[in-house]
Amino acid sequence: MLKAKKNNEKGGSPPFYVFMKYMGGSMFFKNKFVKVYSAVLILVLSISFCVFTVSASSEFTVENGVLLSYNGSAKNVSVPSDVYFIADNAFKDNKSIRSVELNNVTIIGNDAFRNCTSLADVTEYDNLSSCGAFAFYGTPFQEQNPNQDLVMGSVLVHSKASGVYTIPENIKAISPYAFAQNKKLTSIAIGDNVSSVGEGAFWNCSALEAVSVSSKVSHIGGYAFEGTKYLNSVTDEFLVLGNGILVDVNSEDESVVIPSDVKQIGAASFAENSSLKSVAISEGVTSIGKGAFAQCTSLESVQLPASVVSVEAEAFYNCTSLKEVTIPETVKILGDSVFLGCTSLENARVCTDAPISTGLFAGCTKLRSVMISANTESVGSYAFYGCESLQEMSLPGSVSFIAQNAFDGCDDLTVWCDTDEHVGDILKQYGVKVNEIGDCNSDGKLNVRDSTHIRKSVAGLLTLDFSAELKADTDFNGVINVRDATSIQKKLVGVD
């Protein structure tokens, strides 16, 4: 089979979103939604950073154990003991800091200390279990490290290894881009001790031709082996590594069936495959990785099995031919912008209790109907931003929070809900039109005819289309049955 073409198939330029991360930019920044969202985010962050610090305690912006930013100019910094997570960019470009004590920090975000050009000494990092991409890039601490490996806690942050190399036994995680563009590494062995291999970990290691990965490895980030001799020599249709992780697909077939031994569809594994029209995901797959099908512009249909519990960010970004989608109730984690820019998407069923995430359907300009069942509690920022064709949606009474900008650009939207619940009050406050759930004939009134419609449907005498189903599901369980008809009758006579 022919290799599905990706931008850096032979180790040249990285894919756009990897390149943007490498250069310190944002993934999918060319998209209108992300431009607007990023502009808003940058404005908010800029305002929050303009703080006049007058005491040591005000130098740190900390929220729920997360250090969001450092606003001081001290040469020697000790991170507060209640901080466990240093957020992305928290210290980035600080030219004053010479030393940092991490104390109880366990997680460091992307670019956290990037370009801190005076930072030469970092201590008290024994608790560290995760370190993001380019966290210490451009610091003397990393760039002038006299050792082959920069190891912090149980994390391999950066390595200059050459030739044949085995990951040390004390390492549990390999940071994103830890070996990136290493031209001397020829062989890598990742043993049972390692659980996670970060995004782009071996990106453009052009001499790397032998790779061994233990079945104990449970996570491999996108483009981990892109631009290596190893990946370019693979002829199998599916490259499965670690604990059932689909890392790469070597196919230009229009229809693909995921093998039964795959447990995770890895990050970016199908990304930019323009030939793919349909994919059958086997029962047993538990997660869809970040950007797994991003920019598969011919993909028309995909069915997520009940075994899926996690759909990560941008999983179906810019799948411009996808028309319908169902998110099963088994999904517990729903990443941001999963269907961002799916411009042919018309109908969506959301059956999960997971929060409706930021930008979930943003830029889906043909999206007309959305059926949200189960017990989801919130609708995130820009969730339906720019869905200019969106006309109807159902929202359960369990929803207690809706971001004010969630429906920006949805000028013709009507939401079917229990108008007596708080969700109705929120929608009215934002100027969104609401109708009573159960009004399945869309005449603007809840009456006995709606109950009759549902009973006929249950008896097989009438077929409800997607629009009518959306409005008939009074208990928001995703199934139309006699209980929905009974619920309407009770409401009409004032019985709970």
Protein backbone atom coordinates (compact mmCIF):
# COMPACT_ATOMS: atom_id res chain seq x y z
CA MET A 1 0.00 0.00 0.00
CA LEU A 2 1.06 3.57 -0.62
CA LYS A 3 2.02 5.77 2.29
CA ALA A 4 -0.70 8.26 3.18
CA LYS A 5 1.01 11.55 2.49
CA LYS A 6 1.81 13.90 5.32
CA ASN A 7 3.64 17.21 5.06
CA ASN A 8 6.96 15.87 6.31
CA GLU A 9 6.77 12.35 4.95
CA LYS A 10 10.50 12.27 4.26
CA GLY A 11 11.54 14.25 7.29
CA GLY A 12 11.17 17.74 5.83
CA SER A 13 9.02 20.49 7.27
CA PRO A 14 6.82 19.44 10.19
CA PRO A 15 3.02 19.48 9.84
CA PHE A 16 1.55 22.96 10.29
CA TYR A 17 0.30 22.45 13.82
CA VAL A 18 3.51 20.77 14.98
CA PHE A 19 5.50 23.59 13.37
CA MET A 20 3.41 26.21 15.16
CA LYS A 21 4.01 24.48 18.49
CA TYR A 22 7.74 24.25 17.76
CA MET A 23 7.85 27.95 16.99
CA GLY A 24 5.79 28.77 20.08
CA GLY A 25 2.52 29.40 18.24
CA SER A 26 -0.96 27.91 18.47
CA MET A 27 -2.35 24.79 16.87
CA PHE A 28 -4.67 25.46 13.89
CA PHE A 29 -4.07 29.20 14.21
CA LYS A 30 -5.11 29.77 10.60
CA ASN A 31 -8.71 28.95 11.47
CA LYS A 32 -11.04 31.91 12.02
CA PHE A 33 -12.37 30.52 15.29
CA VAL A 34 -8.94 30.05 16.77
CA LYS A 35 -7.87 33.51 15.65
CA VAL A 36 -10.81 35.07 17.46
CA TYR A 37 -10.56 32.82 20.49
CA SER A 38 -6.81 33.34 20.75
CA ALA A 39 -7.24 37.09 20.44
CA VAL A 40 -9.73 37.08 23.30
CA LEU A 41 -7.51 34.82 25.38
CA ILE A 42 -4.43 36.95 24.72
CA LEU A 43 -6.38 40.07 25.69
CA VAL A 44 -7.53 38.51 28.95
CA LEU A 45 -4.04 37.28 29.78
CA SER A 46 -2.51 40.63 28.88
CA ILE A 47 -4.89 42.40 31.24
CA SER A 48 -4.20 39.92 34.03
CA PHE A 49 -0.44 40.30 33.62
CA CYS A 50 -0.54 44.09 33.96
CA VAL A 51 -0.34 43.96 37.76
CA PHE A 52 1.86 46.18 39.91
CA THR A 53 3.51 43.83 42.38
CA VAL A 54 4.25 45.34 45.77
CA SER A 55 5.01 42.26 47.84
CA ALA A 56 6.54 38.81 47.46
CA SER A 57 3.14 37.14 47.74
CA SER A 58 1.69 39.13 44.82
CA GLU A 59 4.49 38.02 42.48
CA PHE A 60 2.66 34.74 41.89
CA THR A 61 -0.78 34.33 40.37
CA VAL A 62 -2.01 31.02 41.81
CA GLU A 63 -5.43 29.44 41.50
CA ASN A 64 -6.36 26.07 42.98
CA GLY A 65 -2.75 24.93 43.12
CA VAL A 66 -1.94 26.10 39.58
CA LEU A 67 0.70 28.80 39.12
CA LEU A 68 -0.71 30.78 36.21
CA SER A 69 1.96 33.46 36.00
CA TYR A 70 4.96 34.96 37.71
CA ASN A 71 5.07 38.76 37.77
CA GLY A 72 8.24 39.35 39.73
CA SER A 73 11.84 40.24 38.91
CA ALA A 74 13.72 38.27 41.57
CA LYS A 75 16.90 36.41 40.60
CA ASN A 76 16.18 33.45 42.86
CA VAL A 77 12.64 32.11 42.97
CA SER A 78 11.06 29.52 45.23
CA VAL A 79 7.71 28.26 43.98
CA PRO A 80 5.04 28.39 46.73
CA SER A 81 4.58 25.08 48.51
CA ASP A 82 0.88 24.85 47.60
CA VAL A 83 1.62 24.83 43.86
CA TYR A 84 1.59 21.46 42.10
CA PHE A 85 1.19 22.64 38.50
CA ILE A 86 3.08 25.38 36.65
CA ALA A 87 0.91 26.47 33.72
CA ASP A 88 1.95 27.02 30.12
CA ASN A 89 4.12 30.14 29.63
CA ALA A 90 4.06 30.99 33.35
CA PHE A 91 7.70 32.22 33.44
CA LYS A 92 8.32 32.49 29.70
CA ASP A 93 10.79 35.19 28.55
CA ASN A 94 11.65 36.26 32.10
CA LYS A 95 15.23 37.51 31.82
CA SER A 96 15.84 38.02 35.56
CA ILE A 97 15.49 34.55 37.01
CA ARG A 98 18.73 32.71 37.66
CA SER A 99 17.50 29.88 39.88
CA VAL A 100 14.19 28.18 40.69
CA GLU A 101 13.18 25.82 43.47
CA LEU A 102 10.21 23.76 42.28
CA ASN A 103 9.39 22.27 45.71
CA ASN A 104 6.09 20.34 45.41
CA VAL A 105 5.53 20.83 41.68
CA THR A 106 4.53 17.64 39.85
CA ILE A 107 3.55 19.06 36.45
CA ILE A 108 5.21 21.73 34.29
CA GLY A 109 3.30 23.05 31.26
CA ASN A 110 4.43 23.85 27.75
CA ASP A 111 6.96 26.70 27.37
CA ALA A 112 6.78 27.34 31.12
CA PHE A 113 10.38 28.64 31.38
CA ARG A 114 11.08 29.06 27.68
CA ASN A 115 13.68 31.70 26.86
CA CYS A 116 14.46 32.50 30.50
CA THR A 117 17.95 33.29 29.32
CA SER A 118 19.48 33.66 32.79
CA LEU A 119 18.00 30.49 34.28
CA ALA A 120 20.94 28.20 35.00
CA ASP A 121 19.87 26.32 38.11
CA VAL A 122 16.67 24.40 38.87
CA THR A 123 16.37 22.41 42.09
CA GLU A 124 13.86 20.53 44.26
CA TYR A 125 12.28 18.73 41.31
CA ASP A 126 12.12 15.17 42.68
CA ASN A 127 8.31 15.20 42.60
CA LEU A 128 8.09 16.01 38.90
CA SER A 129 6.06 13.49 36.86
CA SER A 130 5.24 15.48 33.71
CA CYS A 131 7.02 18.22 31.77
CA GLY A 132 5.53 19.94 28.73
CA ALA A 133 7.01 20.79 25.36
CA PHE A 134 9.95 23.20 25.32
CA ALA A 135 9.52 23.97 29.01
CA PHE A 136 13.22 24.87 29.41
CA TYR A 137 14.05 25.64 25.78
CA GLY A 138 16.46 28.56 25.47
CA THR A 139 17.66 28.39 29.09
CA PRO A 140 21.25 27.74 30.20
CA PHE A 141 19.80 25.04 32.46
CA GLN A 142 18.97 22.95 29.38
CA GLU A 143 21.24 24.27 26.66
CA GLN A 144 24.41 24.19 28.77
CA ASN A 145 23.61 20.98 30.63
CA PRO A 146 26.91 19.04 30.78
CA ASN A 147 25.16 15.67 30.92
CA GLN A 148 23.84 13.67 28.02
CA ASP A 149 20.35 13.61 29.54
CA LEU A 150 18.37 16.24 31.40
CA VAL A 151 16.34 14.22 33.90
CA MET A 152 13.98 15.83 36.40
CA GLY A 153 12.16 13.55 38.82
CA SER A 154 10.98 10.63 36.70
CA VAL A 155 10.90 12.66 33.48
CA LEU A 156 13.42 12.69 30.63
CA VAL A 157 13.12 16.33 29.62
CA HIS A 158 15.86 16.51 26.97
CA SER A 159 18.52 14.21 25.58
CA LYS A 160 21.61 14.47 23.38
CA ALA A 161 22.02 10.69 23.14
CA SER A 162 23.72 9.23 20.10
CA GLY A 163 23.98 5.82 18.48
CA VAL A 164 22.19 2.97 20.26
CA TYR A 165 20.33 4.15 23.34
CA THR A 166 18.11 2.57 26.01
CA ILE A 167 15.85 4.77 28.13
CA PRO A 168 17.12 4.55 31.76
CA GLU A 169 15.07 2.49 34.20
CA ASN A 170 14.26 5.48 36.43
CA ILE A 171 12.39 7.23 33.62
CA LYS A 172 8.59 7.00 33.52
CA ALA A 173 7.83 9.74 30.99
CA ILE A 174 9.60 11.16 27.92
CA SER A 175 8.77 14.82 27.39
CA PRO A 176 7.45 16.16 24.09
CA TYR A 177 10.28 16.85 21.63
CA ALA A 178 12.86 15.48 24.10
CA PHE A 179 15.02 14.07 21.26
CA ALA A 180 13.70 16.24 18.42
CA GLN A 181 16.11 16.81 15.50
CA ASN A 182 18.79 14.63 17.05
CA LYS A 183 20.76 13.54 13.96
CA LYS A 184 23.03 11.07 15.76
CA LEU A 185 20.52 8.76 17.40
CA THR A 186 20.22 5.47 15.48
CA SER A 187 18.39 3.09 17.83
CA ILE A 188 16.05 3.54 20.77
CA ALA A 189 14.70 1.03 23.28
CA ILE A 190 11.79 2.10 25.48
CA GLY A 191 11.29 -0.36 28.32
CA ASP A 192 8.59 -1.41 30.78
CA ASN A 193 9.35 1.49 33.10
CA VAL A 194 8.11 4.12 30.64
CA SER A 195 4.38 4.83 30.51
CA SER A 196 4.29 7.95 28.32
CA VAL A 197 6.11 9.14 25.18
CA GLY A 198 5.40 12.78 24.43
CA GLU A 199 4.31 14.45 21.22
CA GLY A 200 7.13 14.69 18.68
CA ALA A 201 9.52 12.98 21.10
CA PHE A 202 11.75 11.71 18.25
CA TRP A 203 10.58 14.12 15.57
CA ASN A 204 13.08 14.49 12.72
CA CYS A 205 15.65 12.16 14.27
CA SER A 206 16.67 11.43 10.72
CA ALA A 207 19.16 8.62 11.51
CA LEU A 208 16.81 6.72 13.82
CA GLU A 209 16.11 3.37 12.17
CA ALA A 210 15.49 0.90 15.02
CA VAL A 211 12.71 1.36 17.59
CA SER A 212 11.60 -0.95 20.38
CA VAL A 213 8.59 0.00 22.52
CA SER A 214 7.36 -1.98 25.52
CA SER A 215 3.72 -3.09 25.69
CA LYS A 216 3.57 -1.25 29.02
CA VAL A 217 3.71 2.15 27.26
CA SER A 218 0.17 3.54 27.51
CA HIS A 219 0.57 6.88 25.71
CA ILE A 220 2.42 7.95 22.56
CA GLY A 221 1.92 11.54 21.41
CA GLY A 222 1.35 12.64 17.85
CA TYR A 223 4.25 12.69 15.38
CA ALA A 224 6.47 10.94 17.94
CA PHE A 225 8.52 9.24 15.20
CA GLU A 226 7.81 11.53 12.26
CA GLY A 227 10.79 12.22 9.99
CA THR A 228 12.72 9.10 11.05
CA LYS A 229 14.14 6.30 8.91
CA TYR A 230 12.19 3.92 11.10
CA LEU A 231 8.77 5.35 10.25
CA ASN A 232 9.55 5.78 6.57
CA SER A 233 10.59 2.12 6.34
CA VAL A 234 7.34 0.75 7.78
CA THR A 235 5.34 -1.12 5.13
CA ASP A 236 2.56 -2.54 7.31
CA GLU A 237 -0.85 -0.93 6.84
CA PHE A 238 -1.10 -0.19 10.56
CA LEU A 239 1.76 0.61 12.93
CA VAL A 240 0.68 -0.42 16.42
CA LEU A 241 3.09 0.14 19.32
CA GLY A 242 2.97 -0.02 23.11
CA ASN A 243 -0.30 -1.05 24.69
CA GLY A 244 -2.36 -1.22 21.49
CA ILE A 245 -1.64 2.34 20.33
CA LEU A 246 -2.22 3.01 16.62
CA VAL A 247 0.68 5.32 15.82
CA ASP A 248 0.55 5.57 12.02
CA VAL A 249 -1.55 4.41 9.07
CA ASN A 250 0.16 3.39 5.85
CA SER A 251 -2.81 3.43 3.51
CA GLU A 252 -4.60 5.45 0.86
CA ASP A 253 -7.71 3.27 0.91
CA GLU A 254 -11.05 5.08 0.99
CA SER A 255 -12.46 2.72 3.63
CA VAL A 256 -10.50 1.52 6.64
CA VAL A 257 -11.34 -1.00 9.36
CA ILE A 258 -9.35 -0.51 12.57
CA PRO A 259 -7.71 -3.80 13.66
CA SER A 260 -9.16 -5.53 16.72
CA ASP A 261 -5.87 -5.32 18.65
CA VAL A 262 -5.97 -1.50 18.67
CA LYS A 263 -6.98 0.04 22.01
CA GLN A 264 -6.14 3.66 21.23
CA ILE A 265 -6.24 5.58 17.97
CA GLY A 266 -3.13 7.63 18.53
CA ALA A 267 -2.73 11.36 18.15
CA ALA A 268 -2.52 12.49 14.52
CA SER A 269 -2.44 8.86 13.31
CA PHE A 270 -4.73 9.57 10.33
CA ALA A 271 -4.08 13.32 10.13
CA GLU A 272 -4.18 14.87 6.65
CA ASN A 273 -5.19 11.61 4.96
CA SER A 274 -7.22 13.07 2.13
CA SER A 275 -8.21 9.65 0.69
CA LEU A 276 -10.10 8.38 3.72
CA LYS A 277 -13.90 8.42 3.31
CA SER A 278 -15.07 6.04 6.01
CA VAL A 279 -13.58 4.35 9.04
CA ALA A 280 -14.95 1.47 11.11
CA ILE A 281 -13.65 1.68 14.66
CA SER A 282 -13.69 -1.71 16.36
CA GLU A 283 -15.25 -2.36 19.74
CA GLY A 284 -12.43 -2.24 22.29
CA VAL A 285 -10.98 1.10 21.21
CA THR A 286 -11.09 3.30 24.31
CA SER A 287 -9.70 6.63 23.08
CA ILE A 288 -9.41 8.83 20.01
CA GLY A 289 -6.20 10.83 20.28
CA LYS A 290 -5.54 14.50 19.75
CA GLY A 291 -5.96 15.42 16.09
CA ALA A 292 -6.32 11.72 15.18
CA PHE A 293 -8.39 12.47 12.07
CA ALA A 294 -7.53 16.16 11.72
CA GLN A 295 -7.90 17.48 8.18
CA CYS A 296 -9.16 14.18 6.75
CA THR A 297 -11.13 16.29 4.31
CA SER A 298 -12.84 13.38 2.53
CA LEU A 299 -14.05 11.61 5.67
CA GLU A 300 -17.83 11.25 5.39
CA SER A 301 -18.76 8.83 8.14
CA VAL A 302 -17.42 7.54 11.43
CA GLN A 303 -19.12 5.58 14.18
CA LEU A 304 -17.70 5.67 17.69
CA PRO A 305 -18.22 2.36 19.52
CA ALA A 306 -19.54 2.14 23.07
CA SER A 307 -16.04 1.28 24.31
CA VAL A 308 -14.76 4.82 23.66
CA VAL A 309 -14.33 6.82 26.87
CA SER A 310 -12.11 9.67 25.63
CA VAL A 311 -12.16 11.87 22.53
CA GLU A 312 -9.26 14.29 22.69
CA ALA A 313 -8.88 17.82 21.36
CA GLU A 314 -9.21 18.50 17.61
CA ALA A 315 -9.80 14.79 16.95
CA PHE A 316 -11.91 15.55 13.86
CA TYR A 317 -10.73 19.08 13.15
CA ASN A 318 -11.52 20.26 9.62
CA CYS A 319 -13.12 17.00 8.48
CA THR A 320 -15.01 19.04 5.93
CA SER A 321 -17.04 16.14 4.45
CA LEU A 322 -18.39 14.72 7.73
CA LYS A 323 -22.18 15.09 7.80
CA GLU A 324 -23.42 13.36 10.96
CA VAL A 325 -21.91 12.36 14.25
CA THR A 326 -22.98 10.62 17.45
CA ILE A 327 -20.98 10.94 20.67
CA PRO A 328 -21.89 7.87 22.77
CA GLU A 329 -22.85 7.98 26.41
CA THR A 330 -19.70 6.08 27.38
CA VAL A 331 -17.50 9.10 26.59
CA LYS A 332 -16.30 10.69 29.82
CA ILE A 333 -13.65 13.04 28.43
CA LEU A 334 -14.45 15.37 25.54
CA GLY A 335 -11.56 17.56 24.43
CA ASP A 336 -11.72 21.08 23.08
CA SER A 337 -12.56 21.82 19.44
CA VAL A 338 -13.19 18.16 18.56
CA PHE A 339 -15.28 19.04 15.49
CA LEU A 340 -13.90 22.50 14.82
CA GLY A 341 -14.36 23.50 11.18
CA CYS A 342 -16.43 20.47 10.09
CA THR A 343 -18.24 22.60 7.55
CA SER A 344 -20.52 19.86 6.13
CA LEU A 345 -21.76 18.60 9.51
CA GLU A 346 -25.57 18.86 9.65
CA ASN A 347 -26.79 16.79 12.61
CA ALA A 348 -25.12 15.85 15.90
CA ARG A 349 -26.20 13.60 18.77
CA VAL A 350 -24.39 14.26 22.05
CA CYS A 351 -25.23 11.46 24.48
CA THR A 352 -22.45 11.96 27.00
CA ASP A 353 -22.54 13.44 30.50
CA ALA A 354 -19.20 15.11 29.78
CA PRO A 355 -19.21 18.93 29.61
CA ILE A 356 -19.82 20.44 26.18
CA SER A 357 -16.24 21.56 25.69
CA THR A 358 -14.74 24.80 24.41
CA GLY A 359 -15.17 25.16 20.66
CA LEU A 360 -16.67 21.67 20.34
CA PHE A 361 -18.62 22.46 17.14
CA ALA A 362 -17.19 25.92 16.37
CA GLY A 363 -17.17 26.84 12.70
CA CYS A 364 -19.58 24.06 11.69
CA THR A 365 -21.38 26.40 9.33
CA LYS A 366 -23.97 23.87 8.07
CA LEU A 367 -24.83 22.40 11.46
CA ARG A 368 -28.60 22.58 11.74
CA SER A 369 -29.72 20.31 14.59
CA VAL A 370 -28.06 19.17 17.82
CA MET A 371 -29.62 16.67 20.22
CA ILE A 372 -28.01 16.81 23.66
CA SER A 373 -29.17 14.13 26.05
CA ALA A 374 -27.85 12.61 29.30
CA ASN A 375 -26.88 14.83 32.25
CA THR A 376 -24.26 17.22 30.95
CA GLU A 377 -23.89 20.22 33.26
CA SER A 378 -22.15 22.89 31.20
CA VAL A 379 -21.68 24.39 27.75
CA GLY A 380 -18.21 25.84 27.24
CA SER A 381 -16.89 28.97 25.58
CA TYR A 382 -17.44 29.24 21.83
CA ALA A 383 -18.91 25.73 21.82
CA PHE A 384 -21.12 26.58 18.82
CA TYR A 385 -19.37 29.74 17.66
CA GLY A 386 -20.12 30.62 14.05
CA CYS A 387 -22.69 27.84 13.56
CA GLU A 388 -24.70 30.19 11.40
CA SER A 389 -27.18 27.52 10.20
CA LEU A 390 -27.97 26.16 13.67
CA GLN A 391 -31.74 26.24 14.13
CA GLU A 392 -32.64 23.73 16.83
CA MET A 393 -31.10 22.12 19.88
CA SER A 394 -32.25 20.24 22.96
CA LEU A 395 -30.67 20.97 26.34
CA PRO A 396 -31.39 19.00 29.53
CA GLY A 397 -32.27 20.63 32.83
CA SER A 398 -29.00 19.37 34.29
CA VAL A 399 -27.19 22.22 32.52
CA SER A 400 -26.33 24.85 35.12
CA PHE A 401 -23.69 26.85 33.25
CA ILE A 402 -23.56 28.19 29.70
CA ALA A 403 -20.70 30.42 28.59
CA GLN A 404 -22.05 33.74 27.39
CA ASN A 405 -20.31 33.37 24.01
CA ALA A 406 -21.27 29.71 23.52
CA PHE A 407 -23.83 30.56 20.82
CA ASP A 408 -22.19 33.59 19.21
CA GLY A 409 -23.24 33.75 15.57
CA CYS A 410 -26.20 31.37 16.05
CA ASP A 411 -28.80 34.01 15.26
CA ASP A 412 -31.64 31.63 14.28
CA LEU A 413 -31.28 29.15 17.14
CA THR A 414 -34.22 27.85 19.16
CA VAL A 415 -33.49 25.61 22.15
CA TRP A 416 -35.98 22.97 23.30
CA CYS A 417 -35.73 22.50 27.07
CA ASP A 418 -37.77 22.36 30.23
CA THR A 419 -38.49 26.07 30.43
CA ASP A 420 -39.22 25.78 34.16
CA GLU A 421 -35.62 24.73 34.81
CA HIS A 422 -32.69 27.11 35.36
CA VAL A 423 -31.31 26.32 31.91
CA GLY A 424 -34.28 28.15 30.39
CA ASP A 425 -33.55 31.25 32.45
CA ILE A 426 -29.90 31.28 31.34
CA LEU A 427 -30.82 31.00 27.67
CA LYS A 428 -33.40 33.79 27.92
CA GLN A 429 -30.82 35.96 29.65
CA TYR A 430 -28.54 35.53 26.64
CA GLY A 431 -31.35 36.29 24.22
CA VAL A 432 -31.69 32.72 22.92
CA LYS A 433 -35.22 31.68 21.96
CA VAL A 434 -36.59 28.73 23.97
CA ASN A 435 -39.45 26.29 23.40
CA GLU A 436 -40.90 23.68 25.72
CA ILE A 437 -39.36 20.23 25.28
CA GLY A 438 -41.97 17.82 23.91
CA ASP A 439 -43.28 20.17 21.23
CA CYS A 440 -42.33 17.65 18.56
CA ASN A 441 -44.66 19.05 15.87
CA SER A 442 -43.03 22.50 16.26
CA ASP A 443 -46.28 24.44 16.47
CA GLY A 444 -44.96 26.45 19.42
CA LYS A 445 -47.36 24.82 21.90
CA LEU A 446 -47.17 21.76 24.10
CA ASN A 447 -50.44 19.87 23.67
CA VAL A 448 -52.02 16.45 23.32
CA ARG A 449 -51.08 16.27 19.65
CA ASP A 450 -47.42 16.07 20.66
CA SER A 451 -48.15 13.13 22.97
CA THR A 452 -50.11 11.44 20.18
CA HIS A 453 -47.21 11.88 17.74
CA ILE A 454 -44.87 10.13 20.15
CA ARG A 455 -47.27 7.26 20.84
CA LYS A 456 -47.75 6.68 17.10
CA SER A 457 -43.99 6.67 16.66
CA VAL A 458 -43.53 4.09 19.42
CA ALA A 459 -46.26 1.94 17.83
CA GLY A 460 -44.53 2.10 14.45
CA LEU A 461 -47.34 4.11 12.83
CA LEU A 462 -45.26 7.25 12.38
CA THR A 463 -41.60 7.90 11.76
CA LEU A 464 -40.05 10.86 13.54
CA ASP A 465 -37.23 12.60 11.71
CA PHE A 466 -34.15 13.83 13.57
CA SER A 467 -35.73 17.23 14.21
CA ALA A 468 -38.84 15.70 15.77
CA GLU A 469 -36.79 13.22 17.83
CA LEU A 470 -34.79 16.08 19.27
CA LYS A 471 -37.97 17.74 20.54
CA ALA A 472 -39.77 14.55 21.64
CA ASP A 473 -37.09 13.27 24.03
CA THR A 474 -38.57 14.83 27.16
CA ASP A 475 -36.40 12.88 29.61
CA PHE A 476 -33.22 13.49 27.60
CA ASN A 477 -32.15 9.85 27.59
CA GLY A 478 -31.65 9.61 23.82
CA VAL A 479 -34.56 7.17 23.37
CA ILE A 480 -38.10 8.00 22.28
CA ASN A 481 -40.61 5.87 24.22
CA VAL A 482 -43.99 5.94 25.93
CA ARG A 483 -42.49 7.70 28.96
CA ASP A 484 -41.93 10.78 26.83
CA ALA A 485 -45.63 10.83 25.86
CA THR A 486 -46.67 10.31 29.47
CA SER A 487 -44.40 13.14 30.58
CA ILE A 488 -46.18 15.52 28.23
CA GLN A 489 -49.61 14.46 29.46
CA LYS A 490 -48.58 14.94 33.08
CA LYS A 491 -47.27 18.41 32.33
CA LEU A 492 -50.50 19.35 30.57
CA VAL A 493 -52.56 18.46 33.65
CA GLY A 494 -50.05 19.92 36.11
CA VAL A 495 -48.84 16.62 37.58
CA ASP A 496 -45.11 16.19 38.32
